[in-house]
Amino acid sequence: MSHYPMHRDPESLTANQKASNGEFAKARLAADTALADPIRHDEWLHKWHEAITVGGKNYKTLRGFVIAEMRKTL
């Protein structure tokens, strides 16, 4: 069995895992929507660069950063 949640048997997931997967899917959709808008994309890019320079958690991609921020708001 793979360690990635998307490859697991849905029947074997716990309620917490299912909720977490649902929250992540909502955050991904919100992030993709936000990044599709050029103005919001630039705003997120600026926030991402600030987060990197402050020395916070290091996100390798802008999309990963936005998804993490969206999960905080859900």
PDB file of N, CA and C in Angstrom:
ATOM      1  N   MET A   1       0.847  -1.175   0.000  1.00  0.00           N
ATOM      2  CA  MET A   1       0.000   0.000   0.000  1.00  0.00           C
ATOM      3  C   MET A   1       0.894   1.240   0.000  1.00  0.00           C
ATOM      4  N   SER A   2       0.541   2.212  -0.810  1.00  0.00           N
ATOM      5  CA  SER A   2       1.311   3.442  -0.913  1.00  0.00           C
ATOM      6  C   SER A   2       1.102   4.309   0.313  1.00  0.00           C
ATOM      7  N   HIS A   3       2.083   5.153   0.625  1.00  0.00           N
ATOM      8  CA  HIS A   3       1.949   6.054   1.764  1.00  0.00           C
ATOM      9  C   HIS A   3       1.255   7.357   1.381  1.00  0.00           C
ATOM     10  N   TYR A   4       0.906   7.531   0.114  1.00  0.00           N
ATOM     11  CA  TYR A   4       0.198   8.722  -0.320  1.00  0.00           C
ATOM     12  C   TYR A   4      -1.300   8.525  -0.132  1.00  0.00           C
ATOM     13  N   PRO A   5      -2.005   9.492   0.503  1.00  0.00           N
ATOM     14  CA  PRO A   5      -3.433   9.332   0.772  1.00  0.00           C
ATOM     15  C   PRO A   5      -4.267   9.091  -0.476  1.00  0.00           C
ATOM     16  N   MET A   6      -3.898   9.680  -1.617  1.00  0.00           N
ATOM     17  CA  MET A   6      -4.721   9.532  -2.809  1.00  0.00           C
ATOM     18  C   MET A   6      -4.681   8.119  -3.375  1.00  0.00           C
ATOM     19  N   HIS A   7      -3.714   7.314  -2.949  1.00  0.00           N
ATOM     20  CA  HIS A   7      -3.601   5.950  -3.465  1.00  0.00           C
ATOM     21  C   HIS A   7      -4.158   4.917  -2.507  1.00  0.00           C
ATOM     22  N   ARG A   8      -4.582   5.357  -1.351  1.00  0.00           N
ATOM     23  CA  ARG A   8      -5.116   4.414  -0.365  1.00  0.00           C
ATOM     24  C   ARG A   8      -6.507   3.952  -0.757  1.00  0.00           C
ATOM     25  N   ASP A   9      -6.829   2.815  -0.226  1.00  0.00           N
ATOM     26  CA  ASP A   9      -8.179   2.298  -0.399  1.00  0.00           C
ATOM     27  C   ASP A   9      -9.128   3.204   0.381  1.00  0.00           C
ATOM     28  N   PRO A  10     -10.098   3.840  -0.267  1.00  0.00           N
ATOM     29  CA  PRO A  10     -10.997   4.760   0.433  1.00  0.00           C
ATOM     30  C   PRO A  10     -11.733   4.120   1.605  1.00  0.00           C
ATOM     31  N   GLU A  11     -11.961   2.831   1.524  1.00  0.00           N
ATOM     32  CA  GLU A  11     -12.674   2.149   2.601  1.00  0.00           C
ATOM     33  C   GLU A  11     -11.827   2.040   3.872  1.00  0.00           C
ATOM     34  N   SER A  12     -10.506   2.105   3.726  1.00  0.00           N
ATOM     35  CA  SER A  12      -9.641   1.939   4.894  1.00  0.00           C
ATOM     36  C   SER A  12      -9.285   3.264   5.561  1.00  0.00           C
ATOM     37  N   LEU A  13      -9.717   4.391   4.998  1.00  0.00           N
ATOM     38  CA  LEU A  13      -9.415   5.688   5.584  1.00  0.00           C
ATOM     39  C   LEU A  13     -10.265   5.938   6.821  1.00  0.00           C
ATOM     40  N   THR A  14      -9.671   6.565   7.812  1.00  0.00           N
ATOM     41  CA  THR A  14     -10.429   6.938   9.002  1.00  0.00           C
ATOM     42  C   THR A  14     -11.211   8.210   8.705  1.00  0.00           C
ATOM     43  N   ALA A  15     -12.110   8.552   9.580  1.00  0.00           N
ATOM     44  CA  ALA A  15     -12.906   9.776   9.404  1.00  0.00           C
ATOM     45  C   ALA A  15     -12.007  11.010   9.384  1.00  0.00           C
ATOM     46  N   ASN A  16     -10.982  11.032  10.236  1.00  0.00           N
ATOM     47  CA  ASN A  16     -10.058  12.172  10.255  1.00  0.00           C
ATOM     48  C   ASN A  16      -9.284  12.278   8.951  1.00  0.00           C
ATOM     49  N   GLN A  17      -8.868  11.149   8.392  1.00  0.00           N
ATOM     50  CA  GLN A  17      -8.139  11.166   7.132  1.00  0.00           C
ATOM     51  C   GLN A  17      -9.038  11.659   5.998  1.00  0.00           C
ATOM     52  N   LYS A  18     -10.294  11.215   6.010  1.00  0.00           N
ATOM     53  CA  LYS A  18     -11.236  11.659   4.983  1.00  0.00           C
ATOM     54  C   LYS A  18     -11.476  13.161   5.094  1.00  0.00           C
ATOM     55  N   ALA A  19     -11.630  13.664   6.306  1.00  0.00           N
ATOM     56  CA  ALA A  19     -11.836  15.097   6.506  1.00  0.00           C
ATOM     57  C   ALA A  19     -10.613  15.886   6.063  1.00  0.00           C
ATOM     58  N   SER A  20      -9.437  15.366   6.391  1.00  0.00           N
ATOM     59  CA  SER A  20      -8.205  16.036   6.001  1.00  0.00           C
ATOM     60  C   SER A  20      -8.054  16.072   4.490  1.00  0.00           C
ATOM     61  N   ASN A  21      -8.367  14.967   3.823  1.00  0.00           N
ATOM     62  CA  ASN A  21      -8.301  14.921   2.360  1.00  0.00           C
ATOM     63  C   ASN A  21      -9.284  15.914   1.745  1.00  0.00           C
ATOM     64  N   GLY A  22     -10.463  16.030   2.341  1.00  0.00           N
ATOM     65  CA  GLY A  22     -11.464  16.971   1.842  1.00  0.00           C
ATOM     66  C   GLY A  22     -11.008  18.411   2.014  1.00  0.00           C
ATOM     67  N   GLU A  23     -10.407  18.714   3.167  1.00  0.00           N
ATOM     68  CA  GLU A  23      -9.904  20.062   3.410  1.00  0.00           C
ATOM     69  C   GLU A  23      -8.775  20.386   2.435  1.00  0.00           C
ATOM     70  N   PHE A  24      -7.914  19.421   2.192  1.00  0.00           N
ATOM     71  CA  PHE A  24      -6.805  19.643   1.267  1.00  0.00           C
ATOM     72  C   PHE A  24      -7.325  19.886  -0.151  1.00  0.00           C
ATOM     73  N   ALA A  25      -8.338  19.137  -0.552  1.00  0.00           N
ATOM     74  CA  ALA A  25      -8.920  19.319  -1.884  1.00  0.00           C
ATOM     75  C   ALA A  25      -9.539  20.711  -2.008  1.00  0.00           C
ATOM     76  N   LYS A  26     -10.233  21.167  -0.960  1.00  0.00           N
ATOM     77  CA  LYS A  26     -10.814  22.515  -0.982  1.00  0.00           C
ATOM     78  C   LYS A  26      -9.717  23.577  -1.044  1.00  0.00           C
ATOM     79  N   ALA A  27      -8.637  23.371  -0.291  1.00  0.00           N
ATOM     80  CA  ALA A  27      -7.526  24.328  -0.278  1.00  0.00           C
ATOM     81  C   ALA A  27      -6.840  24.367  -1.645  1.00  0.00           C
ATOM     82  N   ARG A  28      -6.672  23.201  -2.281  1.00  0.00           N
ATOM     83  CA  ARG A  28      -6.060  23.161  -3.619  1.00  0.00           C
ATOM     84  C   ARG A  28      -6.911  23.927  -4.624  1.00  0.00           C
ATOM     85  N   LEU A  29      -8.214  23.712  -4.573  1.00  0.00           N
ATOM     86  CA  LEU A  29      -9.119  24.404  -5.491  1.00  0.00           C
ATOM     87  C   LEU A  29      -9.082  25.913  -5.249  1.00  0.00           C
ATOM     88  N   ALA A  30      -9.119  26.329  -3.987  1.00  0.00           N
ATOM     89  CA  ALA A  30      -9.063  27.756  -3.670  1.00  0.00           C
ATOM     90  C   ALA A  30      -7.739  28.362  -4.112  1.00  0.00           C
ATOM     91  N   ALA A  31      -6.643  27.626  -3.917  1.00  0.00           N
ATOM     92  CA  ALA A  31      -5.328  28.120  -4.321  1.00  0.00           C
ATOM     93  C   ALA A  31      -5.232  28.242  -5.832  1.00  0.00           C
ATOM     94  N   ASP A  32      -5.708  27.252  -6.551  1.00  0.00           N
ATOM     95  CA  ASP A  32      -5.662  27.305  -8.012  1.00  0.00           C
ATOM     96  C   ASP A  32      -6.513  28.451  -8.549  1.00  0.00           C
ATOM     97  N   THR A  33      -7.657  28.694  -7.910  1.00  0.00           N
ATOM     98  CA  THR A  33      -8.513  29.807  -8.317  1.00  0.00           C
ATOM     99  C   THR A  33      -7.821  31.135  -8.055  1.00  0.00           C
ATOM    100  N   ALA A  34      -7.212  31.267  -6.892  1.00  0.00           N
ATOM    101  CA  ALA A  34      -6.515  32.512  -6.545  1.00  0.00           C
ATOM    102  C   ALA A  34      -5.332  32.758  -7.467  1.00  0.00           C
ATOM    103  N   LEU A  35      -4.597  31.726  -7.803  1.00  0.00           N
ATOM    104  CA  LEU A  35      -3.413  31.892  -8.638  1.00  0.00           C
ATOM    105  C   LEU A  35      -3.758  32.118 -10.112  1.00  0.00           C
ATOM    106  N   ALA A  36      -4.978  31.780 -10.518  1.00  0.00           N
ATOM    107  CA  ALA A  36      -5.390  32.005 -11.897  1.00  0.00           C
ATOM    108  C   ALA A  36      -5.641  33.480 -12.180  1.00  0.00           C
ATOM    109  N   ASP A  37      -5.971  34.238 -11.137  1.00  0.00           N
ATOM    110  CA  ASP A  37      -6.199  35.674 -11.278  1.00  0.00           C
ATOM    111  C   ASP A  37      -4.846  36.388 -11.221  1.00  0.00           C
ATOM    112  N   PRO A  38      -4.471  37.131 -12.274  1.00  0.00           N
ATOM    113  CA  PRO A  38      -3.137  37.753 -12.314  1.00  0.00           C
ATOM    114  C   PRO A  38      -2.852  38.692 -11.136  1.00  0.00           C
ATOM    115  N   ILE A  39      -3.854  39.445 -10.694  1.00  0.00           N
ATOM    116  CA  ILE A  39      -3.635  40.372  -9.585  1.00  0.00           C
ATOM    117  C   ILE A  39      -3.407  39.612  -8.288  1.00  0.00           C
ATOM    118  N   ARG A  40      -4.251  38.649  -8.012  1.00  0.00           N
ATOM    119  CA  ARG A  40      -4.077  37.850  -6.787  1.00  0.00           C
ATOM    120  C   ARG A  40      -2.793  37.035  -6.852  1.00  0.00           C
ATOM    121  N   HIS A  41      -2.423  36.592  -8.054  1.00  0.00           N
ATOM    122  CA  HIS A  41      -1.174  35.842  -8.216  1.00  0.00           C
ATOM    123  C   HIS A  41       0.002  36.696  -7.749  1.00  0.00           C
ATOM    124  N   ASP A  42       0.019  37.953  -8.173  1.00  0.00           N
ATOM    125  CA  ASP A  42       1.107  38.849  -7.769  1.00  0.00           C
ATOM    126  C   ASP A  42       1.097  39.105  -6.272  1.00  0.00           C
ATOM    127  N   GLU A  43      -0.085  39.222  -5.674  1.00  0.00           N
ATOM    128  CA  GLU A  43      -0.187  39.411  -4.225  1.00  0.00           C
ATOM    129  C   GLU A  43       0.383  38.200  -3.482  1.00  0.00           C
ATOM    130  N   TRP A  44       0.009  37.008  -3.947  1.00  0.00           N
ATOM    131  CA  TRP A  44       0.512  35.783  -3.312  1.00  0.00           C
ATOM    132  C   TRP A  44       2.017  35.654  -3.511  1.00  0.00           C
ATOM    133  N   LEU A  45       2.491  36.026  -4.678  1.00  0.00           N
ATOM    134  CA  LEU A  45       3.925  35.956  -4.947  1.00  0.00           C
ATOM    135  C   LEU A  45       4.684  36.863  -3.985  1.00  0.00           C
ATOM    136  N   HIS A  46       4.161  38.049  -3.737  1.00  0.00           N
ATOM    137  CA  HIS A  46       4.782  38.978  -2.799  1.00  0.00           C
ATOM    138  C   HIS A  46       4.791  38.378  -1.378  1.00  0.00           C
ATOM    139  N   LYS A  47       3.650  37.806  -0.956  1.00  0.00           N
ATOM    140  CA  LYS A  47       3.572  37.183   0.376  1.00  0.00           C
ATOM    141  C   LYS A  47       4.554  36.024   0.496  1.00  0.00           C
ATOM    142  N   TRP A  48       4.677  35.253  -0.580  1.00  0.00           N
ATOM    143  CA  TRP A  48       5.589  34.107  -0.577  1.00  0.00           C
ATOM    144  C   TRP A  48       7.027  34.573  -0.407  1.00  0.00           C
ATOM    145  N   HIS A  49       7.413  35.611  -1.136  1.00  0.00           N
ATOM    146  CA  HIS A  49       8.769  36.139  -1.017  1.00  0.00           C
ATOM    147  C   HIS A  49       9.031  36.703   0.375  1.00  0.00           C
ATOM    148  N   GLU A  50       8.020  37.335   0.981  1.00  0.00           N
ATOM    149  CA  GLU A  50       8.167  37.823   2.357  1.00  0.00           C
ATOM    150  C   GLU A  50       8.359  36.661   3.324  1.00  0.00           C
ATOM    151  N   ALA A  51       7.605  35.602   3.134  1.00  0.00           N
ATOM    152  CA  ALA A  51       7.702  34.442   4.024  1.00  0.00           C
ATOM    153  C   ALA A  51       9.075  33.785   3.910  1.00  0.00           C
ATOM    154  N   ILE A  52       9.629  33.779   2.712  1.00  0.00           N
ATOM    155  CA  ILE A  52      10.944  33.174   2.512  1.00  0.00           C
ATOM    156  C   ILE A  52      12.028  34.019   3.184  1.00  0.00           C
ATOM    157  N   THR A  53      11.936  35.347   3.040  1.00  0.00           N
ATOM    158  CA  THR A  53      12.977  36.213   3.588  1.00  0.00           C
ATOM    159  C   THR A  53      12.908  36.312   5.102  1.00  0.00           C
ATOM    160  N   VAL A  54      11.723  36.134   5.680  1.00  0.00           N
ATOM    161  CA  VAL A  54      11.586  36.197   7.133  1.00  0.00           C
ATOM    162  C   VAL A  54      12.203  34.963   7.774  1.00  0.00           C
ATOM    163  N   GLY A  55      12.315  33.901   7.041  1.00  0.00           N
ATOM    164  CA  GLY A  55      12.912  32.681   7.568  1.00  0.00           C
ATOM    165  C   GLY A  55      11.890  31.719   8.121  1.00  0.00           C
ATOM    166  N   GLY A  56      10.653  31.873   7.694  1.00  0.00           N
ATOM    167  CA  GLY A  56       9.605  30.953   8.118  1.00  0.00           C
ATOM    168  C   GLY A  56       9.791  29.610   7.451  1.00  0.00           C
ATOM    169  N   LYS A  57       8.730  28.870   7.407  1.00  0.00           N
ATOM    170  CA  LYS A  57       8.775  27.560   6.772  1.00  0.00           C
ATOM    171  C   LYS A  57       9.100  27.733   5.292  1.00  0.00           C
ATOM    172  N   ASN A  58       9.957  26.908   4.778  1.00  0.00           N
ATOM    173  CA  ASN A  58      10.402  27.041   3.396  1.00  0.00           C
ATOM    174  C   ASN A  58       9.513  26.226   2.470  1.00  0.00           C
ATOM    175  N   TYR A  59       8.747  26.921   1.643  1.00  0.00           N
ATOM    176  CA  TYR A  59       7.911  26.267   0.650  1.00  0.00           C
ATOM    177  C   TYR A  59       8.630  26.323  -0.682  1.00  0.00           C
ATOM    178  N   LYS A  60       8.735  25.199  -1.360  1.00  0.00           N
ATOM    179  CA  LYS A  60       9.489  25.123  -2.613  1.00  0.00           C
ATOM    180  C   LYS A  60       8.746  25.760  -3.770  1.00  0.00           C
ATOM    181  N   THR A  61       7.413  25.777  -3.712  1.00  0.00           N
ATOM    182  CA  THR A  61       6.640  26.350  -4.808  1.00  0.00           C
ATOM    183  C   THR A  61       5.638  27.357  -4.264  1.00  0.00           C
ATOM    184  N   LEU A  62       5.273  28.288  -5.107  1.00  0.00           N
ATOM    185  CA  LEU A  62       4.256  29.268  -4.747  1.00  0.00           C
ATOM    186  C   LEU A  62       2.929  28.567  -4.481  1.00  0.00           C
ATOM    187  N   ARG A  63       2.584  27.594  -5.310  1.00  0.00           N
ATOM    188  CA  ARG A  63       1.321  26.871  -5.133  1.00  0.00           C
ATOM    189  C   ARG A  63       1.282  26.168  -3.778  1.00  0.00           C
ATOM    190  N   GLY A  64       2.390  25.555  -3.379  1.00  0.00           N
ATOM    191  CA  GLY A  64       2.442  24.900  -2.068  1.00  0.00           C
ATOM    192  C   GLY A  64       2.226  25.878  -0.936  1.00  0.00           C
ATOM    193  N   PHE A  65       2.812  27.063  -1.069  1.00  0.00           N
ATOM    194  CA  PHE A  65       2.640  28.109  -0.058  1.00  0.00           C
ATOM    195  C   PHE A  65       1.178  28.544   0.023  1.00  0.00           C
ATOM    196  N   VAL A  66       0.560  28.772  -1.132  1.00  0.00           N
ATOM    197  CA  VAL A  66      -0.834  29.224  -1.153  1.00  0.00           C
ATOM    198  C   VAL A  66      -1.764  28.147  -0.604  1.00  0.00           C
ATOM    199  N   ILE A  67      -1.514  26.910  -0.948  1.00  0.00           N
ATOM    200  CA  ILE A  67      -2.333  25.818  -0.408  1.00  0.00           C
ATOM    201  C   ILE A  67      -2.227  25.779   1.110  1.00  0.00           C
ATOM    202  N   ALA A  68      -1.027  25.909   1.645  1.00  0.00           N
ATOM    203  CA  ALA A  68      -0.845  25.895   3.098  1.00  0.00           C
ATOM    204  C   ALA A  68      -1.587  27.058   3.747  1.00  0.00           C
ATOM    205  N   GLU A  69      -1.535  28.225   3.136  1.00  0.00           N
ATOM    206  CA  GLU A  69      -2.240  29.383   3.684  1.00  0.00           C
ATOM    207  C   GLU A  69      -3.754  29.200   3.598  1.00  0.00           C
ATOM    208  N   MET A  70      -4.227  28.625   2.513  1.00  0.00           N
ATOM    209  CA  MET A  70      -5.664  28.384   2.361  1.00  0.00           C
ATOM    210  C   MET A  70      -6.146  27.361   3.380  1.00  0.00           C
ATOM    211  N   ARG A  71      -5.333  26.376   3.687  1.00  0.00           N
ATOM    212  CA  ARG A  71      -5.746  25.360   4.693  1.00  0.00           C
ATOM    213  C   ARG A  71      -5.913  25.992   6.060  1.00  0.00           C
ATOM    214  N   LYS A  72      -5.129  27.039   6.347  1.00  0.00           N
ATOM    215  CA  LYS A  72      -5.263  27.723   7.638  1.00  0.00           C
ATOM    216  C   LYS A  72      -6.607  28.427   7.769  1.00  0.00           C
ATOM    217  N   THR A  73      -7.155  28.868   6.636  1.00  0.00           N
ATOM    218  CA  THR A  73      -8.408  29.614   6.679  1.00  0.00           C
ATOM    219  C   THR A  73      -9.637  28.722   6.619  1.00  0.00           C
ATOM    220  N   LEU A  74      -9.489  27.466   6.277  1.00  0.00           N
ATOM    221  CA  LEU A  74     -10.648  26.561   6.187  1.00  0.00           C
ATOM    222  C   LEU A  74     -11.065  26.054   7.539  1.00  0.00           C
TER     223      LEU A  74
END
